[in-house]
Protein backbone atom coordinates (compact mmCIF):
# COMPACT_ATOMS: atom_id res chain seq x y z
CA MET A 1 123.57 91.07 31.47
CA LEU A 2 121.55 92.89 34.08
CA GLN A 3 123.40 91.01 36.83
CA ILE A 4 126.79 92.05 35.52
CA GLU A 5 125.62 95.80 35.52
CA ILE A 6 124.39 95.42 39.05
CA LEU A 7 127.61 93.78 40.10
CA VAL A 8 129.72 96.54 38.41
CA GLY A 9 127.50 99.14 40.09
CA VAL A 10 127.94 97.57 43.48
CA VAL A 11 131.70 97.44 42.98
CA VAL A 12 131.90 100.99 41.87
CA LEU A 13 129.73 102.02 44.87
CA LEU A 14 131.94 99.99 47.28
CA LEU A 15 135.03 101.69 45.75
CA ILE A 16 133.57 105.10 46.30
CA ILE A 17 132.62 104.30 49.94
CA TRP A 18 136.11 102.89 50.49
CA VAL A 19 137.69 106.14 49.17
CA PHE A 20 135.58 108.36 51.34
CA ILE A 21 136.33 106.27 54.46
CA SER A 22 140.11 106.11 53.75
CA SER A 23 140.19 109.86 53.02
CA ARG A 24 138.24 110.52 56.18
CA LYS A 25 140.79 108.50 58.27
CA SER A 26 143.74 110.34 56.76
CA HIS A 27 142.16 113.63 57.69
CA LEU A 28 141.35 112.42 61.16
CA ASN A 29 144.93 111.24 61.60
CA LYS A 30 146.25 114.70 60.58
CA ALA A 31 143.87 116.45 62.95
CA ASP A 32 145.03 114.14 65.75
CA GLU A 33 148.63 114.84 65.03
CA LEU A 34 147.92 118.62 65.07
CA LEU A 35 146.01 118.41 68.35
CA LYS A 36 148.84 116.44 69.96
CA LYS A 37 151.35 119.02 68.79
CA GLN A 38 149.21 121.88 70.17
CA LEU A 39 148.74 120.06 73.48
CA SER A 40 152.46 119.47 73.82
CA GLN A 41 153.15 123.10 73.14
CA LYS A 42 150.62 124.12 75.80
CA GLU A 43 152.34 121.78 78.29
CA GLN A 44 155.71 123.35 77.47
CA TRP A 45 154.24 126.74 78.15
CA LYS A 46 152.86 125.59 81.44
CA LYS A 47 156.33 124.39 82.53
CA GLU A 48 157.98 127.48 81.33
CA LYS A 49 158.73 130.04 83.98
CA ILE A 50 157.17 133.25 82.76
CA MET A 51 158.23 136.54 84.32
CA SER A 52 157.00 140.06 83.67
CA TYR A 53 159.31 142.93 82.80
CA GLY A 54 159.47 144.12 86.34
CA GLN A 55 160.34 140.61 87.79
CA VAL A 56 163.13 140.24 85.20
CA GLN A 57 164.54 143.59 86.02
CA GLU A 58 164.50 142.87 89.71
CA ILE A 59 166.28 139.51 89.39
CA LYS A 60 168.70 141.08 86.93
CA LYS A 61 169.54 143.82 89.47
CA GLN A 62 170.07 141.26 92.21
CA LEU A 63 172.30 139.13 90.06
CA LEU A 64 174.44 142.03 89.01
CA VAL A 65 174.93 143.09 92.64
CA ARG A 66 175.95 139.57 93.63
CA VAL A 67 178.43 139.40 90.69
CA GLU A 68 179.96 142.70 91.64
CA GLU A 69 180.33 141.39 95.23
CA LYS A 70 181.78 138.06 94.45
CA PHE A 71 184.06 138.92 91.53
CA LYS A 72 185.86 142.06 92.54
CA ASP A 73 189.23 140.43 92.02
CA SER A 74 188.67 139.22 88.39
CA PRO A 75 187.14 142.01 86.24
CA GLU A 76 187.12 139.85 83.14
CA GLN A 77 184.90 137.19 84.67
CA GLU A 78 182.70 140.05 86.20
CA ALA A 79 182.25 141.62 82.82
CA LEU A 80 181.53 138.27 81.15
CA LEU A 81 178.85 137.36 83.78
CA LYS A 82 177.29 140.81 83.58
CA GLU A 83 177.00 140.37 79.78
CA ILE A 84 175.49 136.89 80.26
CA ILE A 85 172.95 138.25 82.77
CA ASN A 86 172.02 141.22 80.51
CA ASP A 87 171.51 138.74 77.52
CA TRP A 88 169.35 136.48 79.77
CA ALA A 89 167.25 139.41 80.87
CA GLU A 90 166.86 140.57 77.31
CA LEU A 91 165.74 137.02 76.08
CA LYS A 92 163.28 136.65 78.99
CA ILE A 93 161.71 139.99 78.12
CA ARG A 94 161.52 139.13 74.50
CA SER A 95 159.91 135.81 75.21
CA PHE A 96 157.41 137.35 77.48
CA GLN A 97 156.45 139.89 74.80
CA GLU A 98 156.28 137.32 72.05
CA ARG A 99 154.16 134.95 74.09
CA ARG A 100 151.70 137.80 74.66
CA SER A 101 151.79 139.04 71.03
CA TRP A 102 149.62 136.30 69.66
CA ILE A 103 146.80 137.64 71.83
CA ARG A 104 147.00 141.10 70.30
CA ARG A 105 147.85 139.95 66.79
CA PRO A 106 146.30 136.51 66.16
CA GLN A 107 146.93 136.70 62.43
CA LYS A 108 150.72 136.15 62.92
């Protein structure tokens, strides 16, 4: 009778150990996935060409001048390209501001 109680105790103990180990492995896998995701995001940021507001405005000005020079004969295309350049500049500035916003407001 004592041997059966010991055997049941050992089985229960082994089950508890197995549950802790498997639970730990799942937590480690989730942590590894999160780490990989963060590292890939950092790599994407490194590859991204970040420009300040002044740099964007300078490139925008240069592009608009070039468009005016090259597309004098077709005002529709000139207007469309100017709109595209203005949208691009706005997106670049917004992405620069959003990229920096997590430093000032880490809770978001």
